[in-house]
Amino acid sequence: IRRNSLVFKVVPPYLQQSRSFVFEAVEQNGDTLAHLSAEFQGDRDIVAAAVTQNGLALQYAPRWLRSDRDLVLQAVSENDAALQHADDHLREDKKIILSSIK
């Protein structure tokens, strides 16, 4: 999973449904978020771990989490390009913009 998030798709279902396994997977490769169930994609802690590892993973989070200022700050701190995946109103947030250009 560390090198290729697609590996998650062939992981046994019981592991794909294990919150602790999913959490470890996104910590290793934030792009794994793209392959998770909607339940896990909507889990704030899992999304936070994913965007901390790879800010661009924000694009796989549901809209309501892309509106979460703290998550967006984490994402743009890791990768300034994550700003493009933030909710519109946060793209105009001064602190977020400044974090993305550091």
PDB file of N, CA and C in Angstrom:
ATOM      1  N   ILE A   1       0.832  -1.195   0.000  1.00  0.00           N
ATOM      2  CA  ILE A   1       0.000   0.000   0.000  1.00  0.00           C
ATOM      3  C   ILE A   1       0.873   1.254   0.000  1.00  0.00           C
ATOM      4  N   ARG A   2       1.997   1.180   0.672  1.00  0.00           N
ATOM      5  CA  ARG A   2       2.876   2.347   0.760  1.00  0.00           C
ATOM      6  C   ARG A   2       3.242   2.885  -0.631  1.00  0.00           C
ATOM      7  N   ARG A   3       3.505   1.991  -1.577  1.00  0.00           N
ATOM      8  CA  ARG A   3       3.911   2.420  -2.921  1.00  0.00           C
ATOM      9  C   ARG A   3       2.751   2.536  -3.902  1.00  0.00           C
ATOM     10  N   ASN A   4       1.679   1.778  -3.661  1.00  0.00           N
ATOM     11  CA  ASN A   4       0.576   1.758  -4.616  1.00  0.00           C
ATOM     12  C   ASN A   4      -0.744   1.559  -3.871  1.00  0.00           C
ATOM     13  N   SER A   5      -1.537   2.589  -3.831  1.00  0.00           N
ATOM     14  CA  SER A   5      -2.798   2.518  -3.084  1.00  0.00           C
ATOM     15  C   SER A   5      -3.792   1.531  -3.689  1.00  0.00           C
ATOM     16  N   LEU A   6      -3.618   1.174  -4.942  1.00  0.00           N
ATOM     17  CA  LEU A   6      -4.527   0.221  -5.588  1.00  0.00           C
ATOM     18  C   LEU A   6      -4.471  -1.158  -4.939  1.00  0.00           C
ATOM     19  N   VAL A   7      -3.391  -1.454  -4.244  1.00  0.00           N
ATOM     20  CA  VAL A   7      -3.256  -2.726  -3.545  1.00  0.00           C
ATOM     21  C   VAL A   7      -4.417  -2.918  -2.568  1.00  0.00           C
ATOM     22  N   PHE A   8      -4.937  -1.813  -2.038  1.00  0.00           N
ATOM     23  CA  PHE A   8      -6.039  -1.905  -1.079  1.00  0.00           C
ATOM     24  C   PHE A   8      -7.226  -2.657  -1.674  1.00  0.00           C
ATOM     25  N   LYS A   9      -7.435  -2.550  -2.964  1.00  0.00           N
ATOM     26  CA  LYS A   9      -8.579  -3.197  -3.611  1.00  0.00           C
ATOM     27  C   LYS A   9      -8.512  -4.722  -3.545  1.00  0.00           C
ATOM     28  N   VAL A  10      -7.326  -5.287  -3.386  1.00  0.00           N
ATOM     29  CA  VAL A  10      -7.193  -6.750  -3.332  1.00  0.00           C
ATOM     30  C   VAL A  10      -6.968  -7.262  -1.916  1.00  0.00           C
ATOM     31  N   VAL A  11      -7.023  -6.373  -0.964  1.00  0.00           N
ATOM     32  CA  VAL A  11      -6.924  -6.757   0.448  1.00  0.00           C
ATOM     33  C   VAL A  11      -8.205  -7.491   0.821  1.00  0.00           C
ATOM     34  N   PRO A  12      -8.122  -8.526   1.627  1.00  0.00           N
ATOM     35  CA  PRO A  12      -9.337  -9.250   2.031  1.00  0.00           C
ATOM     36  C   PRO A  12     -10.387  -8.303   2.625  1.00  0.00           C
ATOM     37  N   PRO A  13     -11.653  -8.565   2.327  1.00  0.00           N
ATOM     38  CA  PRO A  13     -12.737  -7.686   2.801  1.00  0.00           C
ATOM     39  C   PRO A  13     -12.733  -7.434   4.313  1.00  0.00           C
ATOM     40  N   TYR A  14     -12.377  -8.438   5.098  1.00  0.00           N
ATOM     41  CA  TYR A  14     -12.407  -8.216   6.548  1.00  0.00           C
ATOM     42  C   TYR A  14     -11.387  -7.151   6.956  1.00  0.00           C
ATOM     43  N   LEU A  15     -10.288  -7.011   6.208  1.00  0.00           N
ATOM     44  CA  LEU A  15      -9.326  -5.950   6.504  1.00  0.00           C
ATOM     45  C   LEU A  15      -9.808  -4.612   5.959  1.00  0.00           C
ATOM     46  N   GLN A  16     -10.468  -4.634   4.804  1.00  0.00           N
ATOM     47  CA  GLN A  16     -11.008  -3.399   4.239  1.00  0.00           C
ATOM     48  C   GLN A  16     -12.075  -2.792   5.152  1.00  0.00           C
ATOM     49  N   GLN A  17     -12.661  -3.621   6.006  1.00  0.00           N
ATOM     50  CA  GLN A  17     -13.715  -3.160   6.923  1.00  0.00           C
ATOM     51  C   GLN A  17     -13.193  -2.903   8.331  1.00  0.00           C
ATOM     52  N   SER A  18     -11.903  -3.075   8.509  1.00  0.00           N
ATOM     53  CA  SER A  18     -11.294  -2.869   9.819  1.00  0.00           C
ATOM     54  C   SER A  18     -10.798  -1.430   9.936  1.00  0.00           C
ATOM     55  N   ARG A  19     -11.374  -0.676  10.852  1.00  0.00           N
ATOM     56  CA  ARG A  19     -10.991   0.723  11.008  1.00  0.00           C
ATOM     57  C   ARG A  19      -9.513   0.870  11.321  1.00  0.00           C
ATOM     58  N   SER A  20      -8.976   0.023  12.172  1.00  0.00           N
ATOM     59  CA  SER A  20      -7.552   0.143  12.527  1.00  0.00           C
ATOM     60  C   SER A  20      -6.655  -0.140  11.318  1.00  0.00           C
ATOM     61  N   PHE A  21      -7.026  -1.133  10.506  1.00  0.00           N
ATOM     62  CA  PHE A  21      -6.248  -1.425   9.303  1.00  0.00           C
ATOM     63  C   PHE A  21      -6.335  -0.263   8.308  1.00  0.00           C
ATOM     64  N   VAL A  22      -7.539   0.247   8.109  1.00  0.00           N
ATOM     65  CA  VAL A  22      -7.744   1.364   7.179  1.00  0.00           C
ATOM     66  C   VAL A  22      -6.943   2.576   7.638  1.00  0.00           C
ATOM     67  N   PHE A  23      -6.953   2.840   8.932  1.00  0.00           N
ATOM     68  CA  PHE A  23      -6.208   3.976   9.472  1.00  0.00           C
ATOM     69  C   PHE A  23      -4.717   3.832   9.172  1.00  0.00           C
ATOM     70  N   GLU A  24      -4.172   2.645   9.408  1.00  0.00           N
ATOM     71  CA  GLU A  24      -2.754   2.406   9.111  1.00  0.00           C
ATOM     72  C   GLU A  24      -2.462   2.538   7.620  1.00  0.00           C
ATOM     73  N   ALA A  25      -3.379   2.074   6.793  1.00  0.00           N
ATOM     74  CA  ALA A  25      -3.195   2.143   5.343  1.00  0.00           C
ATOM     75  C   ALA A  25      -3.114   3.594   4.862  1.00  0.00           C
ATOM     76  N   VAL A  26      -4.006   4.457   5.340  1.00  0.00           N
ATOM     77  CA  VAL A  26      -3.966   5.857   4.886  1.00  0.00           C
ATOM     78  C   VAL A  26      -2.788   6.610   5.481  1.00  0.00           C
ATOM     79  N   GLU A  27      -2.309   6.169   6.634  1.00  0.00           N
ATOM     80  CA  GLU A  27      -1.090   6.781   7.190  1.00  0.00           C
ATOM     81  C   GLU A  27       0.117   6.482   6.306  1.00  0.00           C
ATOM     82  N   GLN A  28       0.117   5.325   5.660  1.00  0.00           N
ATOM     83  CA  GLN A  28       1.213   4.948   4.767  1.00  0.00           C
ATOM     84  C   GLN A  28       1.073   5.576   3.391  1.00  0.00           C
ATOM     85  N   ASN A  29      -0.166   5.700   2.921  1.00  0.00           N
ATOM     86  CA  ASN A  29      -0.414   6.253   1.595  1.00  0.00           C
ATOM     87  C   ASN A  29      -1.791   6.926   1.602  1.00  0.00           C
ATOM     88  N   GLY A  30      -1.797   8.237   1.650  1.00  0.00           N
ATOM     89  CA  GLY A  30      -3.044   8.986   1.717  1.00  0.00           C
ATOM     90  C   GLY A  30      -3.986   8.724   0.555  1.00  0.00           C
ATOM     91  N   ASP A  31      -3.428   8.366  -0.603  1.00  0.00           N
ATOM     92  CA  ASP A  31      -4.272   8.074  -1.768  1.00  0.00           C
ATOM     93  C   ASP A  31      -5.167   6.855  -1.566  1.00  0.00           C
ATOM     94  N   THR A  32      -4.882   6.067  -0.568  1.00  0.00           N
ATOM     95  CA  THR A  32      -5.735   4.919  -0.251  1.00  0.00           C
ATOM     96  C   THR A  32      -7.162   5.388   0.040  1.00  0.00           C
ATOM     97  N   LEU A  33      -7.304   6.617   0.472  1.00  0.00           N
ATOM     98  CA  LEU A  33      -8.634   7.170   0.757  1.00  0.00           C
ATOM     99  C   LEU A  33      -9.570   7.008  -0.443  1.00  0.00           C
ATOM    100  N   ALA A  34      -9.028   7.043  -1.642  1.00  0.00           N
ATOM    101  CA  ALA A  34      -9.841   6.921  -2.864  1.00  0.00           C
ATOM    102  C   ALA A  34     -10.528   5.568  -2.975  1.00  0.00           C
ATOM    103  N   HIS A  35      -9.992   4.562  -2.307  1.00  0.00           N
ATOM    104  CA  HIS A  35     -10.480   3.190  -2.465  1.00  0.00           C
ATOM    105  C   HIS A  35     -11.290   2.698  -1.268  1.00  0.00           C
ATOM    106  N   LEU A  36     -11.569   3.586  -0.337  1.00  0.00           N
ATOM    107  CA  LEU A  36     -12.291   3.195   0.872  1.00  0.00           C
ATOM    108  C   LEU A  36     -13.798   3.286   0.680  1.00  0.00           C
ATOM    109  N   SER A  37     -14.511   2.636   1.566  1.00  0.00           N
ATOM    110  CA  SER A  37     -15.974   2.740   1.569  1.00  0.00           C
ATOM    111  C   SER A  37     -16.366   4.173   1.926  1.00  0.00           C
ATOM    112  N   ALA A  38     -17.575   4.548   1.587  1.00  0.00           N
ATOM    113  CA  ALA A  38     -18.074   5.886   1.909  1.00  0.00           C
ATOM    114  C   ALA A  38     -18.029   6.135   3.423  1.00  0.00           C
ATOM    115  N   GLU A  39     -18.258   5.081   4.182  1.00  0.00           N
ATOM    116  CA  GLU A  39     -18.204   5.210   5.647  1.00  0.00           C
ATOM    117  C   GLU A  39     -16.832   5.705   6.100  1.00  0.00           C
ATOM    118  N   PHE A  40     -15.774   5.087   5.590  1.00  0.00           N
ATOM    119  CA  PHE A  40     -14.422   5.483   5.993  1.00  0.00           C
ATOM    120  C   PHE A  40     -14.001   6.797   5.341  1.00  0.00           C
ATOM    121  N   GLN A  41     -14.466   7.062   4.134  1.00  0.00           N
ATOM    122  CA  GLN A  41     -14.152   8.351   3.496  1.00  0.00           C
ATOM    123  C   GLN A  41     -14.784   9.499   4.267  1.00  0.00           C
ATOM    124  N   GLY A  42     -15.829   9.219   5.010  1.00  0.00           N
ATOM    125  CA  GLY A  42     -16.494  10.234   5.808  1.00  0.00           C
ATOM    126  C   GLY A  42     -16.057  10.260   7.262  1.00  0.00           C
ATOM    127  N   ASP A  43     -15.044   9.477   7.589  1.00  0.00           N
ATOM    128  CA  ASP A  43     -14.518   9.430   8.951  1.00  0.00           C
ATOM    129  C   ASP A  43     -13.437  10.508   9.082  1.00  0.00           C
ATOM    130  N   ARG A  44     -13.697  11.517   9.875  1.00  0.00           N
ATOM    131  CA  ARG A  44     -12.794  12.659   9.969  1.00  0.00           C
ATOM    132  C   ARG A  44     -11.377  12.262  10.356  1.00  0.00           C
ATOM    133  N   ASP A  45     -11.231  11.332  11.293  1.00  0.00           N
ATOM    134  CA  ASP A  45      -9.896  10.920  11.737  1.00  0.00           C
ATOM    135  C   ASP A  45      -9.124  10.236  10.612  1.00  0.00           C
ATOM    136  N   ILE A  46      -9.814   9.423   9.833  1.00  0.00           N
ATOM    137  CA  ILE A  46      -9.163   8.730   8.719  1.00  0.00           C
ATOM    138  C   ILE A  46      -8.769   9.739   7.637  1.00  0.00           C
ATOM    139  N   VAL A  47      -9.660  10.681   7.342  1.00  0.00           N
ATOM    140  CA  VAL A  47      -9.331  11.709   6.348  1.00  0.00           C
ATOM    141  C   VAL A  47      -8.160  12.561   6.834  1.00  0.00           C
ATOM    142  N   ALA A  48      -8.140  12.886   8.107  1.00  0.00           N
ATOM    143  CA  ALA A  48      -7.036  13.679   8.660  1.00  0.00           C
ATOM    144  C   ALA A  48      -5.705  12.945   8.504  1.00  0.00           C
ATOM    145  N   ALA A  49      -5.704  11.652   8.771  1.00  0.00           N
ATOM    146  CA  ALA A  49      -4.476  10.873   8.598  1.00  0.00           C
ATOM    147  C   ALA A  49      -4.051  10.848   7.131  1.00  0.00           C
ATOM    148  N   ALA A  50      -5.020  10.722   6.254  1.00  0.00           N
ATOM    149  CA  ALA A  50      -4.718  10.672   4.816  1.00  0.00           C
ATOM    150  C   ALA A  50      -4.119  11.991   4.326  1.00  0.00           C
ATOM    151  N   VAL A  51      -4.736  13.123   4.692  1.00  0.00           N
ATOM    152  CA  VAL A  51      -4.235  14.403   4.187  1.00  0.00           C
ATOM    153  C   VAL A  51      -2.940  14.825   4.864  1.00  0.00           C
ATOM    154  N   THR A  52      -2.669  14.289   6.034  1.00  0.00           N
ATOM    155  CA  THR A  52      -1.386  14.547   6.681  1.00  0.00           C
ATOM    156  C   THR A  52      -0.270  13.855   5.906  1.00  0.00           C
ATOM    157  N   GLN A  53      -0.570  12.667   5.392  1.00  0.00           N
ATOM    158  CA  GLN A  53       0.415  11.931   4.599  1.00  0.00           C
ATOM    159  C   GLN A  53       0.500  12.489   3.179  1.00  0.00           C
ATOM    160  N   ASN A  54      -0.637  12.858   2.602  1.00  0.00           N
ATOM    161  CA  ASN A  54      -0.686  13.381   1.236  1.00  0.00           C
ATOM    162  C   ASN A  54      -1.850  14.368   1.145  1.00  0.00           C
ATOM    163  N   GLY A  55      -1.537  15.631   1.124  1.00  0.00           N
ATOM    164  CA  GLY A  55      -2.560  16.665   1.100  1.00  0.00           C
ATOM    165  C   GLY A  55      -3.557  16.531  -0.033  1.00  0.00           C
ATOM    166  N   LEU A  56      -3.107  16.001  -1.158  1.00  0.00           N
ATOM    167  CA  LEU A  56      -3.998  15.848  -2.305  1.00  0.00           C
ATOM    168  C   LEU A  56      -5.091  14.813  -2.072  1.00  0.00           C
ATOM    169  N   ALA A  57      -4.961  14.006  -1.042  1.00  0.00           N
ATOM    170  CA  ALA A  57      -6.011  13.036  -0.710  1.00  0.00           C
ATOM    171  C   ALA A  57      -7.314  13.747  -0.344  1.00  0.00           C
ATOM    172  N   LEU A  58      -7.241  15.035  -0.073  1.00  0.00           N
ATOM    173  CA  LEU A  58      -8.443  15.804   0.240  1.00  0.00           C
ATOM    174  C   LEU A  58      -9.506  15.650  -0.850  1.00  0.00           C
ATOM    175  N   GLN A  59      -9.078  15.455  -2.075  1.00  0.00           N
ATOM    176  CA  GLN A  59     -10.032  15.328  -3.186  1.00  0.00           C
ATOM    177  C   GLN A  59     -10.962  14.128  -3.037  1.00  0.00           C
ATOM    178  N   TYR A  60     -10.586  13.144  -2.250  1.00  0.00           N
ATOM    179  CA  TYR A  60     -11.402  11.937  -2.068  1.00  0.00           C
ATOM    180  C   TYR A  60     -12.346  12.036  -0.873  1.00  0.00           C
ATOM    181  N   ALA A  61     -12.240  13.108  -0.133  1.00  0.00           N
ATOM    182  CA  ALA A  61     -13.102  13.308   1.034  1.00  0.00           C
ATOM    183  C   ALA A  61     -14.451  13.856   0.575  1.00  0.00           C
ATOM    184  N   PRO A  62     -15.510  13.567   1.324  1.00  0.00           N
ATOM    185  CA  PRO A  62     -16.817  14.140   0.968  1.00  0.00           C
ATOM    186  C   PRO A  62     -16.787  15.666   1.115  1.00  0.00           C
ATOM    187  N   ARG A  63     -17.692  16.292   0.439  1.00  0.00           N
ATOM    188  CA  ARG A  63     -17.733  17.765   0.410  1.00  0.00           C
ATOM    189  C   ARG A  63     -17.763  18.379   1.809  1.00  0.00           C
ATOM    190  N   TRP A  64     -18.527  17.788   2.712  1.00  0.00           N
ATOM    191  CA  TRP A  64     -18.637  18.380   4.051  1.00  0.00           C
ATOM    192  C   TRP A  64     -17.299  18.374   4.778  1.00  0.00           C
ATOM    193  N   LEU A  65     -16.426  17.411   4.475  1.00  0.00           N
ATOM    194  CA  LEU A  65     -15.099  17.423   5.087  1.00  0.00           C
ATOM    195  C   LEU A  65     -14.148  18.355   4.337  1.00  0.00           C
ATOM    196  N   ARG A  66     -14.395  18.577   3.071  1.00  0.00           N
ATOM    197  CA  ARG A  66     -13.588  19.550   2.313  1.00  0.00           C
ATOM    198  C   ARG A  66     -13.959  20.977   2.715  1.00  0.00           C
ATOM    199  N   SER A  67     -14.989  21.092   3.557  1.00  0.00           N
ATOM    200  CA  SER A  67     -15.388  22.382   4.132  1.00  0.00           C
ATOM    201  C   SER A  67     -14.845  22.557   5.543  1.00  0.00           C
ATOM    202  N   ASP A  68     -14.159  21.557   6.047  1.00  0.00           N
ATOM    203  CA  ASP A  68     -13.605  21.586   7.397  1.00  0.00           C
ATOM    204  C   ASP A  68     -12.285  22.364   7.368  1.00  0.00           C
ATOM    205  N   ARG A  69     -12.293  23.519   7.969  1.00  0.00           N
ATOM    206  CA  ARG A  69     -11.131  24.421   7.908  1.00  0.00           C
ATOM    207  C   ARG A  69      -9.850  23.759   8.410  1.00  0.00           C
ATOM    208  N   ASP A  70      -9.921  23.050   9.517  1.00  0.00           N
ATOM    209  CA  ASP A  70      -8.715  22.417  10.070  1.00  0.00           C
ATOM    210  C   ASP A  70      -8.167  21.334   9.141  1.00  0.00           C
ATOM    211  N   LEU A  71      -9.056  20.541   8.557  1.00  0.00           N
ATOM    212  CA  LEU A  71      -8.597  19.512   7.613  1.00  0.00           C
ATOM    213  C   LEU A  71      -7.955  20.133   6.382  1.00  0.00           C
ATOM    214  N   VAL A  72      -8.566  21.178   5.887  1.00  0.00           N
ATOM    215  CA  VAL A  72      -8.005  21.849   4.708  1.00  0.00           C
ATOM    216  C   VAL A  72      -6.644  22.457   5.050  1.00  0.00           C
ATOM    217  N   LEU A  73      -6.519  23.028   6.224  1.00  0.00           N
ATOM    218  CA  LEU A  73      -5.213  23.557   6.647  1.00  0.00           C
ATOM    219  C   LEU A  73      -4.156  22.459   6.685  1.00  0.00           C
ATOM    220  N   GLN A  74      -4.519  21.298   7.219  1.00  0.00           N
ATOM    221  CA  GLN A  74      -3.591  20.170   7.242  1.00  0.00           C
ATOM    222  C   GLN A  74      -3.186  19.796   5.826  1.00  0.00           C
ATOM    223  N   ALA A  75      -4.170  19.717   4.949  1.00  0.00           N
ATOM    224  CA  ALA A  75      -3.911  19.298   3.574  1.00  0.00           C
ATOM    225  C   ALA A  75      -2.998  20.285   2.847  1.00  0.00           C
ATOM    226  N   VAL A  76      -3.296  21.577   2.924  1.00  0.00           N
ATOM    227  CA  VAL A  76      -2.476  22.548   2.198  1.00  0.00           C
ATOM    228  C   VAL A  76      -1.100  22.727   2.837  1.00  0.00           C
ATOM    229  N   SER A  77      -0.990  22.420   4.122  1.00  0.00           N
ATOM    230  CA  SER A  77       0.327  22.453   4.765  1.00  0.00           C
ATOM    231  C   SER A  77       1.220  21.341   4.218  1.00  0.00           C
ATOM    232  N   GLU A  78       0.593  20.220   3.874  1.00  0.00           N
ATOM    233  CA  GLU A  78       1.358  19.107   3.313  1.00  0.00           C
ATOM    234  C   GLU A  78       1.616  19.315   1.824  1.00  0.00           C
ATOM    235  N   ASN A  79       0.621  19.848   1.101  1.00  0.00           N
ATOM    236  CA  ASN A  79       0.760  20.053  -0.342  1.00  0.00           C
ATOM    237  C   ASN A  79      -0.114  21.243  -0.733  1.00  0.00           C
ATOM    238  N   ASP A  80       0.521  22.310  -1.155  1.00  0.00           N
ATOM    239  CA  ASP A  80      -0.228  23.524  -1.466  1.00  0.00           C
ATOM    240  C   ASP A  80      -1.273  23.329  -2.572  1.00  0.00           C
ATOM    241  N   ALA A  81      -1.069  22.371  -3.437  1.00  0.00           N
ATOM    242  CA  ALA A  81      -2.028  22.111  -4.519  1.00  0.00           C
ATOM    243  C   ALA A  81      -3.356  21.573  -3.989  1.00  0.00           C
ATOM    244  N   ALA A  82      -3.387  21.140  -2.738  1.00  0.00           N
ATOM    245  CA  ALA A  82      -4.634  20.641  -2.146  1.00  0.00           C
ATOM    246  C   ALA A  82      -5.692  21.741  -2.061  1.00  0.00           C
ATOM    247  N   LEU A  83      -5.262  22.989  -2.131  1.00  0.00           N
ATOM    248  CA  LEU A  83      -6.208  24.106  -2.071  1.00  0.00           C
ATOM    249  C   LEU A  83      -7.292  23.983  -3.140  1.00  0.00           C
ATOM    250  N   GLN A  84      -6.944  23.440  -4.283  1.00  0.00           N
ATOM    251  CA  GLN A  84      -7.921  23.303  -5.366  1.00  0.00           C
ATOM    252  C   GLN A  84      -9.072  22.358  -5.005  1.00  0.00           C
ATOM    253  N   HIS A  85      -8.877  21.493  -4.001  1.00  0.00           N
ATOM    254  CA  HIS A  85      -9.904  20.529  -3.607  1.00  0.00           C
ATOM    255  C   HIS A  85     -10.729  21.000  -2.412  1.00  0.00           C
ATOM    256  N   ALA A  86     -10.367  22.154  -1.865  1.00  0.00           N
ATOM    257  CA  ALA A  86     -11.111  22.705  -0.731  1.00  0.00           C
ATOM    258  C   ALA A  86     -12.446  23.274  -1.207  1.00  0.00           C
ATOM    259  N   ASP A  87     -13.391  23.347  -0.297  1.00  0.00           N
ATOM    260  CA  ASP A  87     -14.666  23.964  -0.614  1.00  0.00           C
ATOM    261  C   ASP A  87     -14.434  25.435  -1.001  1.00  0.00           C
ATOM    262  N   ASP A  88     -15.272  25.942  -1.858  1.00  0.00           N
ATOM    263  CA  ASP A  88     -15.088  27.287  -2.407  1.00  0.00           C
ATOM    264  C   ASP A  88     -14.858  28.365  -1.343  1.00  0.00           C
ATOM    265  N   HIS A  89     -15.646  28.333  -0.283  1.00  0.00           N
ATOM    266  CA  HIS A  89     -15.513  29.408   0.711  1.00  0.00           C
ATOM    267  C   HIS A  89     -14.156  29.367   1.421  1.00  0.00           C
ATOM    268  N   LEU A  90     -13.514  28.209   1.493  1.00  0.00           N
ATOM    269  CA  LEU A  90     -12.205  28.114   2.140  1.00  0.00           C
ATOM    270  C   LEU A  90     -11.062  28.527   1.212  1.00  0.00           C
ATOM    271  N   ARG A  91     -11.312  28.533  -0.070  1.00  0.00           N
ATOM    272  CA  ARG A  91     -10.282  28.992  -1.018  1.00  0.00           C
ATOM    273  C   ARG A  91     -10.040  30.485  -0.886  1.00  0.00           C
ATOM    274  N   GLU A  92     -10.938  31.170  -0.196  1.00  0.00           N
ATOM    275  CA  GLU A  92     -10.799  32.610   0.015  1.00  0.00           C
ATOM    276  C   GLU A  92     -10.352  32.939   1.444  1.00  0.00           C
ATOM    277  N   ASP A  93     -10.088  31.911   2.235  1.00  0.00           N
ATOM    278  CA  ASP A  93      -9.681  32.083   3.628  1.00  0.00           C
ATOM    279  C   ASP A  93      -8.201  32.494   3.677  1.00  0.00           C
ATOM    280  N   LYS A  94      -7.941  33.651   4.267  1.00  0.00           N
ATOM    281  CA  LYS A  94      -6.592  34.211   4.286  1.00  0.00           C
ATOM    282  C   LYS A  94      -5.565  33.257   4.906  1.00  0.00           C
ATOM    283  N   LYS A  95      -5.903  32.665   6.038  1.00  0.00           N
ATOM    284  CA  LYS A  95      -4.949  31.772   6.708  1.00  0.00           C
ATOM    285  C   LYS A  95      -4.635  30.543   5.837  1.00  0.00           C
ATOM    286  N   ILE A  96      -5.640  30.011   5.195  1.00  0.00           N
ATOM    287  CA  ILE A  96      -5.434  28.841   4.340  1.00  0.00           C
ATOM    288  C   ILE A  96      -4.587  29.209   3.125  1.00  0.00           C
ATOM    289  N   ILE A  97      -4.881  30.348   2.537  1.00  0.00           N
ATOM    290  CA  ILE A  97      -4.090  30.785   1.387  1.00  0.00           C
ATOM    291  C   ILE A  97      -2.635  30.992   1.782  1.00  0.00           C
ATOM    292  N   LEU A  98      -2.416  31.633   2.915  1.00  0.00           N
ATOM    293  CA  LEU A  98      -1.032  31.861   3.377  1.00  0.00           C
ATOM    294  C   LEU A  98      -0.318  30.543   3.674  1.00  0.00           C
ATOM    295  N   SER A  99      -1.042  29.565   4.233  1.00  0.00           N
ATOM    296  CA  SER A  99      -0.443  28.259   4.500  1.00  0.00           C
ATOM    297  C   SER A  99      -0.048  27.563   3.198  1.00  0.00           C
ATOM    298  N   SER A 100      -0.834  27.789   2.155  1.00  0.00           N
ATOM    299  CA  SER A 100      -0.557  27.106   0.900  1.00  0.00           C
ATOM    300  C   SER A 100       0.626  27.714   0.136  1.00  0.00           C
ATOM    301  N   ILE A 101       1.005  28.946   0.475  1.00  0.00           N
ATOM    302  CA  ILE A 101       2.122  29.551  -0.263  1.00  0.00           C
ATOM    303  C   ILE A 101       3.421  29.589   0.544  1.00  0.00           C
ATOM    304  N   LYS A 102       3.442  28.973   1.681  1.00  0.00           N
ATOM    305  CA  LYS A 102       4.689  28.900   2.479  1.00  0.00           C
ATOM    306  C   LYS A 102       5.680  27.987   1.853  1.00  0.00           C
TER     307      LYS A 102
END
